[in-house]
Amino acid sequence: LIQVLICVLWLTISPPFPYKNMKYYKEKIILECNVGSAIGFW
């Protein structure tokens, strides 16, 4: 339940979302999930 509570707070404040990463490769788009809140992820 403690982990559930952490996940609920994470999803409420700044949830993960789809992100088009264009920084790593110039010629292609990396479609990835941005963690949203780094604090929530860690």
PDB file of all heavy atoms in Angstrom:
ATOM      1  N   LEU A   1       0.823  -1.211   0.000  1.00  0.00           N
ATOM      2  CA  LEU A   1       0.000   0.000   0.000  1.00  0.00           C
ATOM      3  C   LEU A   1       0.859   1.265   0.000  1.00  0.00           C
ATOM      4  O   LEU A   1       0.465   2.284  -0.574  1.00  0.00           O
ATOM      5  CB  LEU A   1      -0.942  -0.002   1.212  1.00  0.00           C
ATOM      6  CG  LEU A   1      -2.155  -0.933   1.103  1.00  0.00           C
ATOM      7  CD1 LEU A   1      -2.974  -0.918   2.384  1.00  0.00           C
ATOM      8  CD2 LEU A   1      -3.035  -0.541  -0.083  1.00  0.00           C
ATOM      9  N   ILE A   2       2.011   1.200   0.635  1.00  0.00           N
ATOM     10  CA  ILE A   2       2.910   2.360   0.610  1.00  0.00           C
ATOM     11  C   ILE A   2       3.333   2.670  -0.834  1.00  0.00           C
ATOM     12  O   ILE A   2       3.342   3.825  -1.267  1.00  0.00           O
ATOM     13  CB  ILE A   2       4.140   2.098   1.501  1.00  0.00           C
ATOM     14  CG1 ILE A   2       3.716   2.033   2.976  1.00  0.00           C
ATOM     15  CG2 ILE A   2       5.196   3.180   1.308  1.00  0.00           C
ATOM     16  CD1 ILE A   2       4.833   1.625   3.911  1.00  0.00           C
ATOM     17  N   GLN A   3       3.663   1.596  -1.577  1.00  0.00           N
ATOM     18  CA  GLN A   3       4.047   1.814  -2.985  1.00  0.00           C
ATOM     19  C   GLN A   3       2.864   2.317  -3.800  1.00  0.00           C
ATOM     20  O   GLN A   3       3.027   3.174  -4.680  1.00  0.00           O
ATOM     21  CB  GLN A   3       4.594   0.510  -3.575  1.00  0.00           C
ATOM     22  CG  GLN A   3       5.110   0.617  -5.002  1.00  0.00           C
ATOM     23  CD  GLN A   3       6.427   1.349  -5.114  1.00  0.00           C
ATOM     24  OE1 GLN A   3       6.565   2.448  -4.591  1.00  0.00           O
ATOM     25  NE2 GLN A   3       7.400   0.717  -5.759  1.00  0.00           N
ATOM     26  N   VAL A   4       1.674   1.781  -3.495  1.00  0.00           N
ATOM     27  CA  VAL A   4       0.475   2.248  -4.193  1.00  0.00           C
ATOM     28  C   VAL A   4       0.266   3.732  -3.944  1.00  0.00           C
ATOM     29  O   VAL A   4      -0.065   4.502  -4.861  1.00  0.00           O
ATOM     30  CB  VAL A   4      -0.755   1.431  -3.755  1.00  0.00           C
ATOM     31  CG1 VAL A   4      -2.044   2.060  -4.306  1.00  0.00           C
ATOM     32  CG2 VAL A   4      -0.635  -0.008  -4.225  1.00  0.00           C
ATOM     33  N   LEU A   5       0.479   4.146  -2.686  1.00  0.00           N
ATOM     34  CA  LEU A   5       0.314   5.553  -2.346  1.00  0.00           C
ATOM     35  C   LEU A   5       1.328   6.422  -3.109  1.00  0.00           C
ATOM     36  O   LEU A   5       0.981   7.486  -3.629  1.00  0.00           O
ATOM     37  CB  LEU A   5       0.483   5.740  -0.839  1.00  0.00           C
ATOM     38  CG  LEU A   5       0.357   7.188  -0.314  1.00  0.00           C
ATOM     39  CD1 LEU A   5      -1.036   7.738  -0.613  1.00  0.00           C
ATOM     40  CD2 LEU A   5       0.639   7.237   1.187  1.00  0.00           C
ATOM     41  N   ILE A   6       2.574   5.955  -3.185  1.00  0.00           N
ATOM     42  CA  ILE A   6       3.600   6.698  -3.933  1.00  0.00           C
ATOM     43  C   ILE A   6       3.191   6.827  -5.403  1.00  0.00           C
ATOM     44  O   ILE A   6       3.299   7.902  -6.009  1.00  0.00           O
ATOM     45  CB  ILE A   6       4.972   5.999  -3.811  1.00  0.00           C
ATOM     46  CG1 ILE A   6       5.472   6.065  -2.362  1.00  0.00           C
ATOM     47  CG2 ILE A   6       5.991   6.644  -4.738  1.00  0.00           C
ATOM     48  CD1 ILE A   6       6.733   5.255  -2.116  1.00  0.00           C
ATOM     49  N   CYS A   7       2.682   5.735  -5.996  1.00  0.00           N
ATOM     50  CA  CYS A   7       2.277   5.764  -7.410  1.00  0.00           C
ATOM     51  C   CYS A   7       1.092   6.683  -7.639  1.00  0.00           C
ATOM     52  O   CYS A   7       1.033   7.398  -8.661  1.00  0.00           O
ATOM     53  CB  CYS A   7       1.936   4.342  -7.880  1.00  0.00           C
ATOM     54  SG  CYS A   7       3.381   3.261  -8.009  1.00  0.00           S
ATOM     55  N   VAL A   8       0.134   6.689  -6.667  1.00  0.00           N
ATOM     56  CA  VAL A   8      -1.027   7.573  -6.817  1.00  0.00           C
ATOM     57  C   VAL A   8      -0.597   9.037  -6.793  1.00  0.00           C
ATOM     58  O   VAL A   8      -1.050   9.859  -7.609  1.00  0.00           O
ATOM     59  CB  VAL A   8      -2.062   7.281  -5.710  1.00  0.00           C
ATOM     60  CG1 VAL A   8      -3.151   8.357  -5.687  1.00  0.00           C
ATOM     61  CG2 VAL A   8      -2.699   5.917  -5.927  1.00  0.00           C
ATOM     62  N   LEU A   9       0.298   9.373  -5.864  1.00  0.00           N
ATOM     63  CA  LEU A   9       0.807  10.745  -5.812  1.00  0.00           C
ATOM     64  C   LEU A   9       1.554  11.103  -7.097  1.00  0.00           C
ATOM     65  O   LEU A   9       1.430  12.217  -7.629  1.00  0.00           O
ATOM     66  CB  LEU A   9       1.728  10.905  -4.599  1.00  0.00           C
ATOM     67  CG  LEU A   9       1.040  10.872  -3.225  1.00  0.00           C
ATOM     68  CD1 LEU A   9       2.080  10.887  -2.122  1.00  0.00           C
ATOM     69  CD2 LEU A   9       0.090  12.048  -3.076  1.00  0.00           C
ATOM     70  N   TRP A  10       2.328  10.158  -7.590  1.00  0.00           N
ATOM     71  CA  TRP A  10       3.092  10.378  -8.834  1.00  0.00           C
ATOM     72  C   TRP A  10       2.157  10.663 -10.016  1.00  0.00           C
ATOM     73  O   TRP A  10       2.333  11.617 -10.764  1.00  0.00           O
ATOM     74  CB  TRP A  10       3.967   9.149  -9.093  1.00  0.00           C
ATOM     75  CG  TRP A  10       4.852   9.251 -10.305  1.00  0.00           C
ATOM     76  CD1 TRP A  10       5.179  10.357 -11.002  1.00  0.00           C
ATOM     77  CD2 TRP A  10       5.512   8.164 -10.946  1.00  0.00           C
ATOM     78  NE1 TRP A  10       6.014  10.055 -12.047  1.00  0.00           N
ATOM     79  CE2 TRP A  10       6.239   8.699 -12.040  1.00  0.00           C
ATOM     80  CE3 TRP A  10       5.584   6.795 -10.713  1.00  0.00           C
ATOM     81  CZ2 TRP A  10       7.007   7.911 -12.887  1.00  0.00           C
ATOM     82  CZ3 TRP A  10       6.347   6.010 -11.546  1.00  0.00           C
ATOM     83  CH2 TRP A  10       7.062   6.561 -12.636  1.00  0.00           C
ATOM     84  N   LEU A  11       1.112   9.799 -10.139  1.00  0.00           N
ATOM     85  CA  LEU A  11       0.174   9.961 -11.255  1.00  0.00           C
ATOM     86  C   LEU A  11      -0.676  11.214 -11.106  1.00  0.00           C
ATOM     87  O   LEU A  11      -1.130  11.787 -12.101  1.00  0.00           O
ATOM     88  CB  LEU A  11      -0.730   8.731 -11.360  1.00  0.00           C
ATOM     89  CG  LEU A  11      -0.047   7.405 -11.702  1.00  0.00           C
ATOM     90  CD1 LEU A  11      -1.064   6.270 -11.724  1.00  0.00           C
ATOM     91  CD2 LEU A  11       0.646   7.500 -13.047  1.00  0.00           C
ATOM     92  N   THR A  12      -0.880  11.650  -9.885  1.00  0.00           N
ATOM     93  CA  THR A  12      -1.703  12.839  -9.650  1.00  0.00           C
ATOM     94  C   THR A  12      -0.929  14.119  -9.948  1.00  0.00           C
ATOM     95  O   THR A  12      -1.438  15.049 -10.594  1.00  0.00           O
ATOM     96  CB  THR A  12      -2.212  12.864  -8.203  1.00  0.00           C
ATOM     97  OG1 THR A  12      -2.942  11.663  -7.943  1.00  0.00           O
ATOM     98  CG2 THR A  12      -3.105  14.075  -7.962  1.00  0.00           C
ATOM     99  N   ILE A  13       0.310  14.171  -9.476  1.00  0.00           N
ATOM    100  CA  ILE A  13       1.099  15.409  -9.584  1.00  0.00           C
ATOM    101  C   ILE A  13       1.700  15.559 -10.984  1.00  0.00           C
ATOM    102  O   ILE A  13       1.492  16.567 -11.666  1.00  0.00           O
ATOM    103  CB  ILE A  13       2.201  15.430  -8.514  1.00  0.00           C
ATOM    104  CG1 ILE A  13       1.565  15.435  -7.123  1.00  0.00           C
ATOM    105  CG2 ILE A  13       3.108  16.652  -8.699  1.00  0.00           C
ATOM    106  CD1 ILE A  13       2.551  15.264  -5.995  1.00  0.00           C
ATOM    107  N   SER A  14       2.447  14.574 -11.435  1.00  0.00           N
ATOM    108  CA  SER A  14       3.107  14.660 -12.750  1.00  0.00           C
ATOM    109  C   SER A  14       3.290  13.259 -13.305  1.00  0.00           C
ATOM    110  O   SER A  14       4.343  12.637 -13.131  1.00  0.00           O
ATOM    111  CB  SER A  14       4.455  15.372 -12.622  1.00  0.00           C
ATOM    112  OG  SER A  14       5.089  15.470 -13.874  1.00  0.00           O
ATOM    113  N   PRO A  15       2.269  12.738 -13.996  1.00  0.00           N
ATOM    114  CA  PRO A  15       2.334  11.348 -14.456  1.00  0.00           C
ATOM    115  C   PRO A  15       3.249  11.186 -15.664  1.00  0.00           C
ATOM    116  O   PRO A  15       3.562  12.159 -16.356  1.00  0.00           O
ATOM    117  CB  PRO A  15       0.879  11.057 -14.836  1.00  0.00           C
ATOM    118  CG  PRO A  15       0.337  12.384 -15.257  1.00  0.00           C
ATOM    119  CD  PRO A  15       1.007  13.390 -14.375  1.00  0.00           C
ATOM    120  N   PRO A  16       3.679   9.972 -15.944  1.00  0.00           N
ATOM    121  CA  PRO A  16       4.441   9.712 -17.176  1.00  0.00           C
ATOM    122  C   PRO A  16       3.571   9.988 -18.402  1.00  0.00           C
ATOM    123  O   PRO A  16       2.339   9.877 -18.351  1.00  0.00           O
ATOM    124  CB  PRO A  16       4.798   8.228 -17.068  1.00  0.00           C
ATOM    125  CG  PRO A  16       4.668   7.896 -15.622  1.00  0.00           C
ATOM    126  CD  PRO A  16       3.570   8.766 -15.102  1.00  0.00           C
ATOM    127  N   PHE A  17       4.224  10.332 -19.514  1.00  0.00           N
ATOM    128  CA  PHE A  17       3.498  10.661 -20.741  1.00  0.00           C
ATOM    129  C   PHE A  17       4.367  10.321 -21.946  1.00  0.00           C
ATOM    130  O   PHE A  17       5.601  10.252 -21.836  1.00  0.00           O
ATOM    131  CB  PHE A  17       3.118  12.148 -20.757  1.00  0.00           C
ATOM    132  CG  PHE A  17       4.291  13.073 -20.672  1.00  0.00           C
ATOM    133  CD1 PHE A  17       4.952  13.525 -21.816  1.00  0.00           C
ATOM    134  CD2 PHE A  17       4.763  13.499 -19.431  1.00  0.00           C
ATOM    135  CE1 PHE A  17       6.033  14.389 -21.729  1.00  0.00           C
ATOM    136  CE2 PHE A  17       5.857  14.361 -19.339  1.00  0.00           C
ATOM    137  CZ  PHE A  17       6.493  14.803 -20.491  1.00  0.00           C
ATOM    138  N   PRO A  18       3.718  10.087 -23.113  1.00  0.00           N
ATOM    139  CA  PRO A  18       4.499   9.792 -24.325  1.00  0.00           C
ATOM    140  C   PRO A  18       5.331  11.020 -24.715  1.00  0.00           C
ATOM    141  O   PRO A  18       4.861  12.153 -24.638  1.00  0.00           O
ATOM    142  CB  PRO A  18       3.441   9.490 -25.384  1.00  0.00           C
ATOM    143  CG  PRO A  18       2.185   9.231 -24.633  1.00  0.00           C
ATOM    144  CD  PRO A  18       2.278  10.004 -23.373  1.00  0.00           C
ATOM    145  N   TYR A  19       6.544  10.777 -25.165  1.00  0.00           N
ATOM    146  CA  TYR A  19       7.467  11.876 -25.464  1.00  0.00           C
ATOM    147  C   TYR A  19       8.265  11.536 -26.713  1.00  0.00           C
ATOM    148  O   TYR A  19       8.776  10.418 -26.855  1.00  0.00           O
ATOM    149  CB  TYR A  19       8.401  12.093 -24.270  1.00  0.00           C
ATOM    150  CG  TYR A  19       9.533  13.053 -24.540  1.00  0.00           C
ATOM    151  CD1 TYR A  19       9.299  14.398 -24.774  1.00  0.00           C
ATOM    152  CD2 TYR A  19      10.852  12.606 -24.552  1.00  0.00           C
ATOM    153  CE1 TYR A  19      10.341  15.286 -25.015  1.00  0.00           C
ATOM    154  CE2 TYR A  19      11.902  13.486 -24.789  1.00  0.00           C
ATOM    155  CZ  TYR A  19      11.641  14.819 -25.017  1.00  0.00           C
ATOM    156  OH  TYR A  19      12.675  15.686 -25.256  1.00  0.00           O
ATOM    157  N   LYS A  20       8.340  12.534 -27.626  1.00  0.00           N
ATOM    158  CA  LYS A  20       9.141  12.369 -28.838  1.00  0.00           C
ATOM    159  C   LYS A  20      10.540  12.914 -28.586  1.00  0.00           C
ATOM    160  O   LYS A  20      10.763  14.123 -28.607  1.00  0.00           O
ATOM    161  CB  LYS A  20       8.494  13.095 -30.015  1.00  0.00           C
ATOM    162  CG  LYS A  20       7.153  12.512 -30.429  1.00  0.00           C
ATOM    163  CD  LYS A  20       6.552  13.307 -31.570  1.00  0.00           C
ATOM    164  CE  LYS A  20       5.209  12.712 -32.007  1.00  0.00           C
ATOM    165  NZ  LYS A  20       4.605  13.474 -33.114  1.00  0.00           N
ATOM    166  N   ASN A  21      11.448  12.020 -28.348  1.00  0.00           N
ATOM    167  CA  ASN A  21      12.827  12.409 -28.051  1.00  0.00           C
ATOM    168  C   ASN A  21      13.580  12.647 -29.362  1.00  0.00           C
ATOM    169  O   ASN A  21      13.839  11.715 -30.122  1.00  0.00           O
ATOM    170  CB  ASN A  21      13.508  11.318 -27.225  1.00  0.00           C
ATOM    171  CG  ASN A  21      14.862  11.751 -26.708  1.00  0.00           C
ATOM    172  OD1 ASN A  21      15.457  12.706 -27.205  1.00  0.00           O
ATOM    173  ND2 ASN A  21      15.362  11.058 -25.702  1.00  0.00           N
ATOM    174  N   MET A  22      13.934  13.906 -29.632  1.00  0.00           N
ATOM    175  CA  MET A  22      14.665  14.247 -30.857  1.00  0.00           C
ATOM    176  C   MET A  22      16.098  14.675 -30.572  1.00  0.00           C
ATOM    177  O   MET A  22      16.799  15.147 -31.469  1.00  0.00           O
ATOM    178  CB  MET A  22      13.931  15.373 -31.597  1.00  0.00           C
ATOM    179  CG  MET A  22      12.486  15.064 -31.905  1.00  0.00           C
ATOM    180  SD  MET A  22      11.687  16.467 -32.705  1.00  0.00           S
ATOM    181  CE  MET A  22       9.957  15.995 -32.541  1.00  0.00           C
ATOM    182  N   LYS A  23      16.520  14.545 -29.327  1.00  0.00           N
ATOM    183  CA  LYS A  23      17.848  15.012 -28.945  1.00  0.00           C
ATOM    184  C   LYS A  23      18.918  13.962 -29.154  1.00  0.00           C
ATOM    185  O   LYS A  23      20.047  14.290 -29.515  1.00  0.00           O
ATOM    186  CB  LYS A  23      17.831  15.460 -27.479  1.00  0.00           C
ATOM    187  CG  LYS A  23      16.893  16.627 -27.206  1.00  0.00           C
ATOM    188  CD  LYS A  23      16.897  17.009 -25.734  1.00  0.00           C
ATOM    189  CE  LYS A  23      15.957  18.175 -25.462  1.00  0.00           C
ATOM    190  NZ  LYS A  23      15.914  18.535 -24.022  1.00  0.00           N
ATOM    191  N   TYR A  24      18.582  12.706 -28.907  1.00  0.00           N
ATOM    192  CA  TYR A  24      19.619  11.675 -28.954  1.00  0.00           C
ATOM    193  C   TYR A  24      20.040  11.384 -30.387  1.00  0.00           C
ATOM    194  O   TYR A  24      21.221  11.337 -30.713  1.00  0.00           O
ATOM    195  CB  TYR A  24      19.114  10.397 -28.272  1.00  0.00           C
ATOM    196  CG  TYR A  24      20.243   9.480 -27.849  1.00  0.00           C
ATOM    197  CD1 TYR A  24      20.801   9.588 -26.585  1.00  0.00           C
ATOM    198  CD2 TYR A  24      20.768   8.549 -28.718  1.00  0.00           C
ATOM    199  CE1 TYR A  24      21.848   8.779 -26.199  1.00  0.00           C
ATOM    200  CE2 TYR A  24      21.820   7.729 -28.347  1.00  0.00           C
ATOM    201  CZ  TYR A  24      22.353   7.848 -27.088  1.00  0.00           C
ATOM    202  OH  TYR A  24      23.396   7.053 -26.720  1.00  0.00           O
ATOM    203  N   TYR A  25      19.044  11.183 -31.259  1.00  0.00           N
ATOM    204  CA  TYR A  25      19.313  10.971 -32.683  1.00  0.00           C
ATOM    205  C   TYR A  25      18.752  12.154 -33.449  1.00  0.00           C
ATOM    206  O   TYR A  25      17.610  12.557 -33.240  1.00  0.00           O
ATOM    207  CB  TYR A  25      18.657   9.686 -33.186  1.00  0.00           C
ATOM    208  CG  TYR A  25      19.243   8.413 -32.642  1.00  0.00           C
ATOM    209  CD1 TYR A  25      18.518   7.632 -31.751  1.00  0.00           C
ATOM    210  CD2 TYR A  25      20.506   7.987 -33.010  1.00  0.00           C
ATOM    211  CE1 TYR A  25      19.050   6.457 -31.248  1.00  0.00           C
ATOM    212  CE2 TYR A  25      21.046   6.821 -32.511  1.00  0.00           C
ATOM    213  CZ  TYR A  25      20.314   6.056 -31.627  1.00  0.00           C
ATOM    214  OH  TYR A  25      20.853   4.904 -31.140  1.00  0.00           O
ATOM    215  N   LYS A  26      19.534  12.715 -34.373  1.00  0.00           N
ATOM    216  CA  LYS A  26      19.056  13.819 -35.182  1.00  0.00           C
ATOM    217  C   LYS A  26      18.160  13.346 -36.317  1.00  0.00           C
ATOM    218  O   LYS A  26      17.273  14.055 -36.756  1.00  0.00           O
ATOM    219  CB  LYS A  26      20.237  14.596 -35.756  1.00  0.00           C
ATOM    220  CG  LYS A  26      21.065  15.315 -34.706  1.00  0.00           C
ATOM    221  CD  LYS A  26      22.205  16.091 -35.350  1.00  0.00           C
ATOM    222  CE  LYS A  26      23.022  16.844 -34.309  1.00  0.00           C
ATOM    223  NZ  LYS A  26      24.147  17.593 -34.922  1.00  0.00           N
ATOM    224  N   GLU A  27      18.418  12.115 -36.794  1.00  0.00           N
ATOM    225  CA  GLU A  27      17.723  11.655 -37.986  1.00  0.00           C
ATOM    226  C   GLU A  27      16.457  10.861 -37.693  1.00  0.00           C
ATOM    227  O   GLU A  27      15.732  10.487 -38.605  1.00  0.00           O
ATOM    228  CB  GLU A  27      18.667  10.816 -38.850  1.00  0.00           C
ATOM    229  CG  GLU A  27      19.008   9.442 -38.287  1.00  0.00           C
ATOM    230  CD  GLU A  27      20.110   9.470 -37.251  1.00  0.00           C
ATOM    231  OE1 GLU A  27      20.529  10.581 -36.849  1.00  0.00           O
ATOM    232  OE2 GLU A  27      20.548   8.390 -36.822  1.00  0.00           O
ATOM    233  N   LYS A  28      16.201  10.569 -36.425  1.00  0.00           N
ATOM    234  CA  LYS A  28      14.984   9.826 -36.093  1.00  0.00           C
ATOM    235  C   LYS A  28      14.442  10.261 -34.744  1.00  0.00           C
ATOM    236  O   LYS A  28      15.147  10.871 -33.929  1.00  0.00           O
ATOM    237  CB  LYS A  28      15.240   8.322 -36.123  1.00  0.00           C
ATOM    238  CG  LYS A  28      16.351   7.830 -35.214  1.00  0.00           C
ATOM    239  CD  LYS A  28      16.585   6.342 -35.424  1.00  0.00           C
ATOM    240  CE  LYS A  28      17.770   5.837 -34.600  1.00  0.00           C
ATOM    241  NZ  LYS A  28      18.033   4.410 -34.827  1.00  0.00           N
ATOM    242  N   ILE A  29      13.173   9.934 -34.531  1.00  0.00           N
ATOM    243  CA  ILE A  29      12.474  10.295 -33.302  1.00  0.00           C
ATOM    244  C   ILE A  29      12.365   9.055 -32.426  1.00  0.00           C
ATOM    245  O   ILE A  29      11.917   7.996 -32.881  1.00  0.00           O
ATOM    246  CB  ILE A  29      11.065  10.845 -33.610  1.00  0.00           C
ATOM    247  CG1 ILE A  29      11.172  12.104 -34.475  1.00  0.00           C
ATOM    248  CG2 ILE A  29      10.304  11.135 -32.335  1.00  0.00           C
ATOM    249  CD1 ILE A  29       9.836  12.625 -34.955  1.00  0.00           C
ATOM    250  N   ILE A  30      12.818   9.168 -31.190  1.00  0.00           N
ATOM    251  CA  ILE A  30      12.663   8.077 -30.224  1.00  0.00           C
ATOM    252  C   ILE A  30      11.353   8.319 -29.493  1.00  0.00           C
ATOM    253  O   ILE A  30      11.211   9.290 -28.753  1.00  0.00           O
ATOM    254  CB  ILE A  30      13.831   8.032 -29.224  1.00  0.00           C
ATOM    255  CG1 ILE A  30      15.163   7.961 -29.972  1.00  0.00           C
ATOM    256  CG2 ILE A  30      13.672   6.847 -28.285  1.00  0.00           C
ATOM    257  CD1 ILE A  30      15.321   6.754 -30.837  1.00  0.00           C
ATOM    258  N   LEU A  31      10.392   7.446 -29.723  1.00  0.00           N
ATOM    259  CA  LEU A  31       9.106   7.552 -29.042  1.00  0.00           C
ATOM    260  C   LEU A  31       9.217   6.790 -27.733  1.00  0.00           C
ATOM    261  O   LEU A  31       9.341   5.560 -27.723  1.00  0.00           O
ATOM    262  CB  LEU A  31       7.996   6.977 -29.923  1.00  0.00           C
ATOM    263  CG  LEU A  31       6.567   7.405 -29.580  1.00  0.00           C
ATOM    264  CD1 LEU A  31       6.418   8.904 -29.625  1.00  0.00           C
ATOM    265  CD2 LEU A  31       5.578   6.760 -30.536  1.00  0.00           C
ATOM    266  N   GLU A  32       9.220   7.517 -26.634  1.00  0.00           N
ATOM    267  CA  GLU A  32       9.442   6.902 -25.334  1.00  0.00           C
ATOM    268  C   GLU A  32       8.486   7.500 -24.321  1.00  0.00           C
ATOM    269  O   GLU A  32       7.745   8.439 -24.620  1.00  0.00           O
ATOM    270  CB  GLU A  32      10.889   7.115 -24.886  1.00  0.00           C
ATOM    271  CG  GLU A  32      11.283   8.572 -24.785  1.00  0.00           C
ATOM    272  CD  GLU A  32      12.757   8.764 -24.491  1.00  0.00           C
ATOM    273  OE1 GLU A  32      13.524   7.800 -24.683  1.00  0.00           O
ATOM    274  OE2 GLU A  32      13.138   9.873 -24.065  1.00  0.00           O
ATOM    275  N   CYS A  33       8.541   6.933 -23.134  1.00  0.00           N
ATOM    276  CA  CYS A  33       7.719   7.451 -22.047  1.00  0.00           C
ATOM    277  C   CYS A  33       8.569   8.338 -21.158  1.00  0.00           C
ATOM    278  O   CYS A  33       9.567   7.883 -20.591  1.00  0.00           O
ATOM    279  CB  CYS A  33       7.126   6.304 -21.220  1.00  0.00           C
ATOM    280  SG  CYS A  33       5.779   5.428 -22.048  1.00  0.00           S
ATOM    281  N   ASN A  34       8.187   9.571 -21.060  1.00  0.00           N
ATOM    282  CA  ASN A  34       8.840  10.467 -20.117  1.00  0.00           C
ATOM    283  C   ASN A  34       8.273  10.199 -18.733  1.00  0.00           C
ATOM    284  O   ASN A  34       7.062  10.069 -18.570  1.00  0.00           O
ATOM    285  CB  ASN A  34       8.600  11.917 -20.536  1.00  0.00           C
ATOM    286  CG  ASN A  34       9.414  12.899 -19.737  1.00  0.00           C
ATOM    287  OD1 ASN A  34       9.237  13.040 -18.538  1.00  0.00           O
ATOM    288  ND2 ASN A  34      10.304  13.598 -20.419  1.00  0.00           N
ATOM    289  N   VAL A  35       9.143  10.112 -17.748  1.00  0.00           N
ATOM    290  CA  VAL A  35       8.688   9.721 -16.404  1.00  0.00           C
ATOM    291  C   VAL A  35       7.860  10.806 -15.750  1.00  0.00           C
ATOM    292  O   VAL A  35       7.243  10.568 -14.706  1.00  0.00           O
ATOM    293  CB  VAL A  35       9.888   9.362 -15.502  1.00  0.00           C
ATOM    294  CG1 VAL A  35      10.598   8.140 -16.035  1.00  0.00           C
ATOM    295  CG2 VAL A  35      10.846  10.531 -15.361  1.00  0.00           C
ATOM    296  N   GLY A  36       7.785  11.982 -16.360  1.00  0.00           N
ATOM    297  CA  GLY A  36       7.029  13.061 -15.744  1.00  0.00           C
ATOM    298  C   GLY A  36       7.796  13.627 -14.568  1.00  0.00           C
ATOM    299  O   GLY A  36       8.737  14.396 -14.727  1.00  0.00           O
ATOM    300  N   SER A  37       7.441  13.196 -13.383  1.00  0.00           N
ATOM    301  CA  SER A  37       8.144  13.620 -12.177  1.00  0.00           C
ATOM    302  C   SER A  37       9.307  12.670 -11.921  1.00  0.00           C
ATOM    303  O   SER A  37       9.104  11.475 -11.658  1.00  0.00           O
ATOM    304  CB  SER A  37       7.193  13.626 -10.979  1.00  0.00           C
ATOM    305  OG  SER A  37       7.910  13.851  -9.793  1.00  0.00           O
ATOM    306  N   ALA A  38      10.519  13.188 -11.998  1.00  0.00           N
ATOM    307  CA  ALA A  38      11.695  12.355 -11.719  1.00  0.00           C
ATOM    308  C   ALA A  38      11.700  11.909 -10.265  1.00  0.00           C
ATOM    309  O   ALA A  38      12.150  10.796  -9.940  1.00  0.00           O
ATOM    310  CB  ALA A  38      12.967  13.137 -12.048  1.00  0.00           C
ATOM    311  N   ILE A  39      11.181  12.770  -9.382  1.00  0.00           N
ATOM    312  CA  ILE A  39      11.119  12.408  -7.951  1.00  0.00           C
ATOM    313  C   ILE A  39      10.214  11.202  -7.753  1.00  0.00           C
ATOM    314  O   ILE A  39      10.538  10.264  -7.014  1.00  0.00           O
ATOM    315  CB  ILE A  39      10.627  13.613  -7.123  1.00  0.00           C
ATOM    316  CG1 ILE A  39      11.637  14.759  -7.220  1.00  0.00           C
ATOM    317  CG2 ILE A  39      10.402  13.213  -5.668  1.00  0.00           C
ATOM    318  CD1 ILE A  39      11.180  16.039  -6.547  1.00  0.00           C
ATOM    319  N   GLY A  40       9.064  11.200  -8.447  1.00  0.00           N
ATOM    320  CA  GLY A  40       8.150  10.064  -8.334  1.00  0.00           C
ATOM    321  C   GLY A  40       8.776   8.785  -8.855  1.00  0.00           C
ATOM    322  O   GLY A  40       8.640   7.715  -8.231  1.00  0.00           O
ATOM    323  N   PHE A  41       9.469   8.890  -9.985  1.00  0.00           N
ATOM    324  CA  PHE A  41      10.101   7.702 -10.572  1.00  0.00           C
ATOM    325  C   PHE A  41      11.165   7.120  -9.642  1.00  0.00           C
ATOM    326  O   PHE A  41      11.190   5.917  -9.359  1.00  0.00           O
ATOM    327  CB  PHE A  41      10.712   8.082 -11.919  1.00  0.00           C
ATOM    328  CG  PHE A  41      11.489   6.976 -12.578  1.00  0.00           C
ATOM    329  CD1 PHE A  41      10.845   5.873 -13.111  1.00  0.00           C
ATOM    330  CD2 PHE A  41      12.869   7.042 -12.654  1.00  0.00           C
ATOM    331  CE1 PHE A  41      11.567   4.852 -13.720  1.00  0.00           C
ATOM    332  CE2 PHE A  41      13.599   6.031 -13.270  1.00  0.00           C
ATOM    333  CZ  PHE A  41      12.950   4.937 -13.793  1.00  0.00           C
ATOM    334  N   TRP A  42      12.048   7.980  -9.137  1.00  0.00           N
ATOM    335  CA  TRP A  42      13.116   7.479  -8.281  1.00  0.00           C
ATOM    336  C   TRP A  42      12.593   7.103  -6.897  1.00  0.00           C
ATOM    337  O   TRP A  42      13.205   6.251  -6.212  1.00  0.00           O
ATOM    338  CB  TRP A  42      14.237   8.514  -8.164  1.00  0.00           C
ATOM    339  CG  TRP A  42      14.982   8.670  -9.459  1.00  0.00           C
ATOM    340  CD1 TRP A  42      14.960   9.712 -10.305  1.00  0.00           C
ATOM    341  CD2 TRP A  42      15.836   7.688 -10.054  1.00  0.00           C
ATOM    342  NE1 TRP A  42      15.739   9.490 -11.415  1.00  0.00           N
ATOM    343  CE2 TRP A  42      16.304   8.231 -11.277  1.00  0.00           C
ATOM    344  CE3 TRP A  42      16.256   6.404  -9.695  1.00  0.00           C
ATOM    345  CZ2 TRP A  42      17.157   7.549 -12.128  1.00  0.00           C
ATOM    346  CZ3 TRP A  42      17.114   5.720 -10.543  1.00  0.00           C
ATOM    347  CH2 TRP A  42      17.562   6.289 -11.743  1.00  0.00           C
TER     348      TRP A  42
END
